[in-house]
């Protein structure tokens, strides 16, 4: 069974220090490949979900 992404977050170094070693994968933004494309894909998926929800209401 493939692993699924369950969360993507933008955290500061302070956030990470407060959370401790609870994350198993962390990439600094400047080292994340295709980060801006990832944000666009999340925005697109969010818009599609919103349209789908609106369609069920009306």
Protein backbone atom coordinates (compact mmCIF):
# COMPACT_ATOMS: atom_id res chain seq x y z
CA UNK A 1 0.00 0.00 0.00
CA UNK A 2 1.54 3.36 -1.00
CA UNK A 3 2.15 6.04 1.58
CA UNK A 4 -0.19 9.02 1.34
CA UNK A 5 0.69 12.61 2.10
CA UNK A 6 -1.35 13.63 5.12
CA UNK A 7 -0.07 17.17 5.66
CA UNK A 8 2.04 19.89 4.19
CA UNK A 9 2.96 22.81 6.39
CA UNK A 10 5.11 25.87 6.46
CA UNK A 11 6.90 25.98 9.78
CA UNK A 12 9.53 28.25 11.20
CA UNK A 13 12.68 26.91 12.84
CA UNK A 14 11.09 27.89 16.18
CA UNK A 15 8.00 25.79 15.34
CA UNK A 16 10.21 22.81 14.65
CA UNK A 17 12.15 23.33 17.87
CA UNK A 18 8.90 23.42 19.85
CA UNK A 19 7.54 20.29 18.18
CA UNK A 20 10.72 18.35 18.74
CA UNK A 21 11.81 15.40 16.62
CA UNK A 22 8.25 14.36 15.72
CA UNK A 23 8.61 14.77 11.97
CA UNK A 24 10.34 12.14 9.90
CA UNK A 25 10.69 14.26 6.74
CA UNK A 26 11.41 17.98 6.63
CA UNK A 27 12.67 19.96 3.65
CA UNK A 28 13.68 23.61 3.81
CA UNK A 29 11.70 25.52 1.17
CA UNK A 30 14.82 26.43 -0.75
CA UNK A 31 15.70 22.72 -0.99
CA UNK A 32 12.23 21.43 -1.89
CA UNK A 33 12.03 20.56 -5.57
CA UNK A 34 9.16 22.20 -7.46
CA UNK A 35 7.80 23.90 -4.32
CA UNK A 36 5.86 26.59 -6.19
CA UNK A 37 4.29 23.94 -8.43
CA UNK A 38 3.23 22.04 -5.32
CA UNK A 39 1.52 25.14 -3.91
CA UNK A 40 -0.28 25.69 -7.23
CA UNK A 41 -1.46 22.07 -7.27
CA UNK A 42 -2.81 22.42 -3.72
CA UNK A 43 -4.63 25.63 -4.68
CA UNK A 44 -6.10 23.97 -7.78
CA UNK A 45 -7.30 20.98 -5.78
CA UNK A 46 -8.85 23.28 -3.19
CA UNK A 47 -10.73 25.22 -5.90
CA UNK A 48 -12.02 21.98 -7.45
CA UNK A 49 -13.20 20.73 -4.07
CA UNK A 50 -14.97 24.02 -3.37
CA UNK A 51 -16.75 23.89 -6.76
CA UNK A 52 -17.80 20.31 -6.05
CA UNK A 53 -19.20 21.33 -2.66
CA UNK A 54 -21.06 24.27 -4.19
CA UNK A 55 -22.56 21.97 -6.80
CA UNK A 56 -23.98 19.68 -4.11
CA UNK A 57 -25.56 22.63 -2.26
CA UNK A 58 -27.30 24.15 -5.24
